[in-house]
C-alpha atoms as a PDB file:
ATOM      1  CA  MET A   1      76.098  96.310  82.514  1.00  0.00           C
ATOM      2  CA  SER A   2      75.579  98.939  85.208  1.00  0.00           C
ATOM      3  CA  PRO A   3      75.348 102.592  84.105  1.00  0.00           C
ATOM      4  CA  GLN A   4      78.478 103.317  86.118  1.00  0.00           C
ATOM      5  CA  TRP A   5      80.625 101.257  83.737  1.00  0.00           C
ATOM      6  CA  ASN A   6      78.701 101.608  80.476  1.00  0.00           C
ATOM      7  CA  GLY A   7      80.248 104.637  78.771  1.00  0.00           C
ATOM      8  CA  ILE A   8      77.202 105.626  76.695  1.00  0.00           C
ATOM      9  CA  GLU A   9      74.776 105.245  79.580  1.00  0.00           C
ATOM     10  CA  ARG A  10      77.164 107.004  81.943  1.00  0.00           C
ATOM     11  CA  ARG A  11      77.444 110.012  79.603  1.00  0.00           C
ATOM     12  CA  LYS A  12      73.637 110.174  79.350  1.00  0.00           C
ATOM     13  CA  THR A  13      73.366 110.092  83.131  1.00  0.00           C
ATOM     14  CA  LEU A  14      75.960 112.838  83.513  1.00  0.00           C
ATOM     15  CA  ARG A  15      74.216 114.905  80.832  1.00  0.00           C
ATOM     16  CA  MET A  16      70.891 114.603  82.666  1.00  0.00           C
ATOM     17  CA  LYS A  17      72.515 115.612  85.959  1.00  0.00           C
ATOM     18  CA  ALA A  18      74.227 118.572  84.295  1.00  0.00           C
ATOM     19  CA  GLU A  19      70.949 119.603  82.629  1.00  0.00           C
ATOM     20  CA  ALA A  20      69.189 119.433  85.989  1.00  0.00           C
ATOM     21  CA  MET A  21      71.862 121.627  87.557  1.00  0.00           C
ATOM     22  CA  VAL A  22      71.404 124.394  84.978  1.00  0.00           C
ATOM     23  CA  SER A  23      67.652 124.000  84.467  1.00  0.00           C
ATOM     24  CA  SER A  24      66.981 127.289  86.217  1.00  0.00           C
ATOM     25  CA  PHE A  25      69.231 129.009  83.665  1.00  0.00           C
ATOM     26  CA  SER A  26      67.777 127.216  80.656  1.00  0.00           C
ATOM     27  CA  PRO A  27      66.288 129.483  77.999  1.00  0.00           C
ATOM     28  CA  GLU A  28      62.800 128.659  76.788  1.00  0.00           C
ATOM     29  CA  GLU A  29      63.171 126.585  73.649  1.00  0.00           C
ATOM     30  CA  MET A  30      60.712 128.582  71.562  1.00  0.00           C
ATOM     31  CA  LYS A  31      61.939 132.052  72.528  1.00  0.00           C
ATOM     32  CA  ALA A  32      65.669 131.331  72.854  1.00  0.00           C
ATOM     33  CA  LYS A  33      68.172 133.053  70.655  1.00  0.00           C
ATOM     34  CA  PRO A  34      70.929 130.879  69.138  1.00  0.00           C
ATOM     35  CA  ALA A  35      73.524 132.515  71.405  1.00  0.00           C
ATOM     36  CA  GLU A  36      71.476 131.644  74.522  1.00  0.00           C
ATOM     37  CA  VAL A  37      71.143 128.047  73.381  1.00  0.00           C
ATOM     38  CA  LEU A  38      74.886 127.883  72.724  1.00  0.00           C
ATOM     39  CA  VAL A  39      75.695 129.361  76.153  1.00  0.00           C
ATOM     40  CA  HIS A  40      73.327 126.862  77.745  1.00  0.00           C
ATOM     41  CA  GLU A  41      74.959 123.948  75.886  1.00  0.00           C
ATOM     42  CA  LEU A  42      78.430 125.151  76.841  1.00  0.00           C
ATOM     43  CA  LEU A  43      77.418 125.453  80.487  1.00  0.00           C
ATOM     44  CA  VAL A  44      75.911 121.958  80.480  1.00  0.00           C
ATOM     45  CA  HIS A  45      79.041 120.581  78.772  1.00  0.00           C
ATOM     46  CA  LYS A  46      81.299 122.363  81.285  1.00  0.00           C
ATOM     47  CA  ILE A  47      79.416 120.865  84.223  1.00  0.00           C
ATOM     48  CA  GLU A  48      79.429 117.457  82.550  1.00  0.00           C
ATOM     49  CA  LEU A  49      83.217 117.649  82.096  1.00  0.00           C
ATOM     50  CA  GLU A  50      83.689 118.702  85.715  1.00  0.00           C
ATOM     51  CA  MET A  51      81.645 115.716  86.882  1.00  0.00           C
ATOM     52  CA  GLN A  52      83.643 113.385  84.614  1.00  0.00           C
ATOM     53  CA  ASN A  53      86.846 114.896  85.973  1.00  0.00           C
ATOM     54  CA  ASP A  54      85.669 114.280  89.549  1.00  0.00           C
ATOM     55  CA  GLU A  55      84.868 110.655  88.681  1.00  0.00           C
ATOM     56  CA  LEU A  56      88.283 110.223  87.069  1.00  0.00           C
ATOM     57  CA  ARG A  57      90.010 111.718  90.113  1.00  0.00           C
ATOM     58  CA  ASN A  58      88.074 109.378  92.399  1.00  0.00           C
ATOM     59  CA  ALA A  59      88.929 106.386  90.191  1.00  0.00           C
ATOM     60  CA  LEU A  60      92.610 107.416  90.159  1.00  0.00           C
ATOM     61  CA  ASP A  61      92.622 107.747  93.950  1.00  0.00           C
ATOM     62  CA  ALA A  62      91.043 104.293  94.272  1.00  0.00           C
ATOM     63  CA  LEU A  63      93.602 102.814  91.858  1.00  0.00           C
ATOM     64  CA  GLN A  64      96.506 104.400  93.736  1.00  0.00           C
ATOM     65  CA  GLU A  65      95.158 103.122  97.027  1.00  0.00           C
ATOM     66  CA  ALA A  66      94.776  99.610  95.577  1.00  0.00           C
ATOM     67  CA  ARG A  67      98.286  99.786  94.086  1.00  0.00           C
ATOM     68  CA  ASN A  68      99.752 100.863  97.431  1.00  0.00           C
ATOM     69  CA  ARG A  69      97.879  98.083  99.236  1.00  0.00           C
ATOM     70  CA  TYR A  70      99.124  95.533  96.659  1.00  0.00           C
ATOM     71  CA  ARG A  71     102.694  96.833  96.922  1.00  0.00           C
ATOM     72  CA  ASP A  72     102.624  96.573 100.717  1.00  0.00           C
ATOM     73  CA  LEU A  73     101.169  93.061 100.586  1.00  0.00           C
ATOM     74  CA  TYR A  74     103.782  92.026  98.001  1.00  0.00           C
ATOM     75  CA  GLU A  75     106.788  93.629  99.669  1.00  0.00           C
ATOM     76  CA  PHE A  76     106.047  92.607 103.247  1.00  0.00           C
ATOM     77  CA  ALA A  77     104.515  89.180 102.644  1.00  0.00           C
ATOM     78  CA  PRO A  78     105.953  86.430 104.863  1.00  0.00           C
ATOM     79  CA  VAL A  79     106.924  84.640 101.649  1.00  0.00           C
ATOM     80  CA  GLY A  80     109.722  85.540  99.257  1.00  0.00           C
ATOM     81  CA  TYR A  81     108.512  86.242  95.727  1.00  0.00           C
ATOM     82  CA  ILE A  82     111.131  85.858  93.031  1.00  0.00           C
ATOM     83  CA  SER A  83     110.843  86.113  89.241  1.00  0.00           C
ATOM     84  CA  LEU A  84     113.395  84.332  87.056  1.00  0.00           C
ATOM     85  CA  ASN A  85     113.935  84.562  83.329  1.00  0.00           C
ATOM     86  CA  ARG A  86     114.803  81.603  81.091  1.00  0.00           C
ATOM     87  CA  GLU A  87     118.500  81.992  81.911  1.00  0.00           C
ATOM     88  CA  ASP A  88     117.882  81.538  85.659  1.00  0.00           C
ATOM     89  CA  LEU A  89     118.533  85.257  86.293  1.00  0.00           C
ATOM     90  CA  ILE A  90     116.561  87.001  89.020  1.00  0.00           C
ATOM     91  CA  SER A  91     114.558  89.770  87.362  1.00  0.00           C
ATOM     92  CA  ALA A  92     112.469  90.846  90.363  1.00  0.00           C
ATOM     93  CA  LEU A  93     111.957  89.965  94.009  1.00  0.00           C
ATOM     94  CA  ASN A  94     110.223  91.327  97.055  1.00  0.00           C
ATOM     95  CA  LEU A  95     111.900  92.439 100.279  1.00  0.00           C
ATOM     96  CA  THR A  96     111.247  89.077 101.930  1.00  0.00           C
ATOM     97  CA  GLY A  97     112.902  87.286  99.002  1.00  0.00           C
ATOM     98  CA  ALA A  98     115.952  89.525  99.331  1.00  0.00           C
ATOM     99  CA  SER A  99     116.049  88.869 103.073  1.00  0.00           C
ATOM    100  CA  LEU A 100     115.816  85.099 102.571  1.00  0.00           C
ATOM    101  CA  LEU A 101     118.664  85.182 100.054  1.00  0.00           C
ATOM    102  CA  GLY A 102     120.631  87.386 102.435  1.00  0.00           C
ATOM    103  CA  ASP A 103     121.476  90.406 100.298  1.00  0.00           C
ATOM    104  CA  GLU A 104     120.127  93.730  99.070  1.00  0.00           C
ATOM    105  CA  ARG A 105     117.564  93.566  96.297  1.00  0.00           C
ATOM    106  CA  ASP A 106     119.669  95.674  93.905  1.00  0.00           C
ATOM    107  CA  LYS A 107     122.581  93.269  94.286  1.00  0.00           C
ATOM    108  CA  LEU A 108     120.368  90.222  93.713  1.00  0.00           C
ATOM    109  CA  VAL A 109     118.721  91.371  90.485  1.00  0.00           C
ATOM    110  CA  ASN A 110     120.469  89.783  87.475  1.00  0.00           C
ATOM    111  CA  GLN A 111     122.157  87.182  89.703  1.00  0.00           C
ATOM    112  CA  ARG A 112     121.594  83.522  88.881  1.00  0.00           C
ATOM    113  CA  PHE A 113     119.173  81.947  91.314  1.00  0.00           C
ATOM    114  CA  SER A 114     121.176  78.722  91.038  1.00  0.00           C
ATOM    115  CA  LYS A 115     123.989  80.564  92.863  1.00  0.00           C
ATOM    116  CA  PHE A 116     121.767  80.365  95.956  1.00  0.00           C
ATOM    117  CA  VAL A 117     120.914  76.673  95.626  1.00  0.00           C
ATOM    118  CA  ALA A 118     123.077  74.546  97.921  1.00  0.00           C
ATOM    119  CA  PRO A 119     125.544  72.329  96.025  1.00  0.00           C
ATOM    120  CA  ARG A 120     123.745  69.158  97.103  1.00  0.00           C
ATOM    121  CA  ASP A 121     120.583  70.337  95.266  1.00  0.00           C
ATOM    122  CA  SER A 122     122.107  72.195  92.314  1.00  0.00           C
ATOM    123  CA  ASP A 123     121.712  69.366  89.771  1.00  0.00           C
ATOM    124  CA  ARG A 124     118.137  68.804  90.903  1.00  0.00           C
ATOM    125  CA  TRP A 125     117.372  72.537  90.609  1.00  0.00           C
ATOM    126  CA  PHE A 126     118.818  72.685  87.108  1.00  0.00           C
ATOM    127  CA  ARG A 127     116.700  69.698  85.968  1.00  0.00           C
ATOM    128  CA  LEU A 128     113.575  71.231  87.508  1.00  0.00           C
ATOM    129  CA  LEU A 129     114.224  74.610  85.887  1.00  0.00           C
ATOM    130  CA  VAL A 130     114.806  73.098  82.454  1.00  0.00           C
ATOM    131  CA  ASP A 131     111.749  70.876  82.812  1.00  0.00           C
ATOM    132  CA  ILE A 132     109.466  73.738  83.871  1.00  0.00           C
ATOM    133  CA  MET A 133     110.704  76.113  81.166  1.00  0.00           C
ATOM    134  CA  ALA A 134     110.561  73.429  78.465  1.00  0.00           C
ATOM    135  CA  ALA A 135     107.020  72.396  79.405  1.00  0.00           C
ATOM    136  CA  GLY A 136     105.892  75.999  79.010  1.00  0.00           C
ATOM    137  CA  ASN A 137     102.599  75.507  80.785  1.00  0.00           C
ATOM    138  CA  ALA A 138     101.159  77.253  83.803  1.00  0.00           C
ATOM    139  CA  GLU A 139     101.015  74.110  85.907  1.00  0.00           C
ATOM    140  CA  LYS A 140     102.125  74.904  89.441  1.00  0.00           C
ATOM    141  CA  ARG A 141     105.059  72.870  90.757  1.00  0.00           C
ATOM    142  CA  ALA A 142     106.093  72.526  94.386  1.00  0.00           C
ATOM    143  CA  PHE A 143     109.297  71.072  95.805  1.00  0.00           C
ATOM    144  CA  GLY A 144     111.915  71.561  98.485  1.00  0.00           C
ATOM    145  CA  LEU A 145     115.514  72.684  98.125  1.00  0.00           C
ATOM    146  CA  GLN A 146     118.335  73.653 100.375  1.00  0.00           C
ATOM    147  CA  ILE A 147     119.135  77.330  99.799  1.00  0.00           C
ATOM    148  CA  LYS A 148     122.462  78.979 100.552  1.00  0.00           C
ATOM    149  CA  ARG A 149     122.276  82.620 101.592  1.00  0.00           C
ATOM    150  CA  ALA A 150     124.792  85.193 100.392  1.00  0.00           C
ATOM    151  CA  ASP A 151     126.686  84.790 103.706  1.00  0.00           C
ATOM    152  CA  GLY A 152     126.989  81.008 103.169  1.00  0.00           C
ATOM    153  CA  ALA A 153     124.378  79.964 105.766  1.00  0.00           C
ATOM    154  CA  CYS A 154     121.924  77.356 104.487  1.00  0.00           C
ATOM    155  CA  PHE A 155     118.244  76.802 105.090  1.00  0.00           C
ATOM    156  CA  TYR A 156     115.593  74.467 103.770  1.00  0.00           C
ATOM    157  CA  ALA A 157     113.023  76.063 101.533  1.00  0.00           C
ATOM    158  CA  HIS A 158     109.728  75.145  99.991  1.00  0.00           C
ATOM    159  CA  LEU A 159     109.311  76.520  96.463  1.00  0.00           C
ATOM    160  CA  ASP A 160     106.006  76.958  94.672  1.00  0.00           C
ATOM    161  CA  CYS A 161     106.859  77.635  91.036  1.00  0.00           C
ATOM    162  CA  GLN A 162     104.691  78.688  88.151  1.00  0.00           C
ATOM    163  CA  TYR A 163     105.637  79.416  84.556  1.00  0.00           C
ATOM    164  CA  ARG A 164     104.245  82.683  83.184  1.00  0.00           C
ATOM    165  CA  ALA A 165     104.278  83.822  79.587  1.00  0.00           C
ATOM    166  CA  THR A 166     102.377  86.730  78.111  1.00  0.00           C
ATOM    167  CA  SER A 167     102.372  88.172  74.628  1.00  0.00           C
ATOM    168  CA  ASP A 168     104.068  91.391  75.743  1.00  0.00           C
ATOM    169  CA  GLU A 169     106.673  89.959  78.153  1.00  0.00           C
ATOM    170  CA  PRO A 170     109.258  87.185  77.917  1.00  0.00           C
ATOM    171  CA  PRO A 171     108.547  83.904  79.740  1.00  0.00           C
ATOM    172  CA  MET A 172     109.212  83.997  83.480  1.00  0.00           C
ATOM    173  CA  LEU A 173     109.278  81.550  86.334  1.00  0.00           C
ATOM    174  CA  GLN A 174     107.445  82.926  89.366  1.00  0.00           C
ATOM    175  CA  ILE A 175     108.639  81.468  92.668  1.00  0.00           C
ATOM    176  CA  ALA A 176     107.114  81.696  96.132  1.00  0.00           C
ATOM    177  CA  LEU A 177     109.970  80.856  98.512  1.00  0.00           C
ATOM    178  CA  THR A 178     109.284  79.834 102.119  1.00  0.00           C
ATOM    179  CA  ASP A 179     111.848  79.022 104.796  1.00  0.00           C
ATOM    180  CA  ILE A 180     110.810  75.662 106.266  1.00  0.00           C
ATOM    181  CA  SER A 181     113.983  74.970 108.258  1.00  0.00           C
ATOM    182  CA  HIS A 182     112.045  74.745 111.517  1.00  0.00           C
ATOM    183  CA  SER A 183     109.954  71.866 110.131  1.00  0.00           C
ATOM    184  CA  TRP A 184     112.687  70.073 108.145  1.00  0.00           C
ATOM    185  CA  PRO A 185     114.132  66.909 109.705  1.00  0.00           C
ATOM    186  CA  THR A 186     117.773  67.353 110.673  1.00  0.00           C
ATOM    187  CA  ASP A 187     120.431  65.082 109.193  1.00  0.00           C
ATOM    188  CA  ASN A 188     122.209  62.917 111.762  1.00  0.00           C
END
C-alpha cells in the first residue's frame, strides 16, 4: 500500500515533514528544558495538523469535482436512467428520463412506470417486471417496449434493466431507457 493511503505511514511521513520544518527551532535534546520540549512537540503537532487539514481539503475538493462530473454525466446522458421499486413506482430518474416520459421529474417520482407503457405492451411489461424482481439476481435484461409519453405520444424504446439490492436499501430495478423509434420498423 502506498504511503499516501496507509494511515500509519502517512502520519509518520507528515511527522517527519513537520519535524524538518521546525528543525531550526528544535531545542538540543540534552540541554532542553521540559517546557521547550513541550513547545517543540506542540509546534510539530500544529504543523502536522495543518498539513493533514490541507490534504483533507484537497481530497474534499477532488471528491466534489468527481461528484459534479458524475452528476453532469448522469443528468445529461443521452439515455434515460430510471429507478423503480418493487411496486413499479419511479423512485429516481435523470433529466433525460423525465424528457423521454414527457413530464417534469417531480411529477414523475412516485408514478407507476407501467402508466407509461403503451397498452399493447402492458401485459408483457408486467410479466417482465415480476420475473426480474422475483429472480432477484443482478443479471442484466434487455428488451423493447412501446412507451407512451405523458402527452399520449408513443415511441419505441430499448430498455436495459438490472436488479439492484443492497443491505442498506430496498431492492430496485435500474433501467436505461433509449428512444429507438428512428430504427424501429413501422407497422403497415
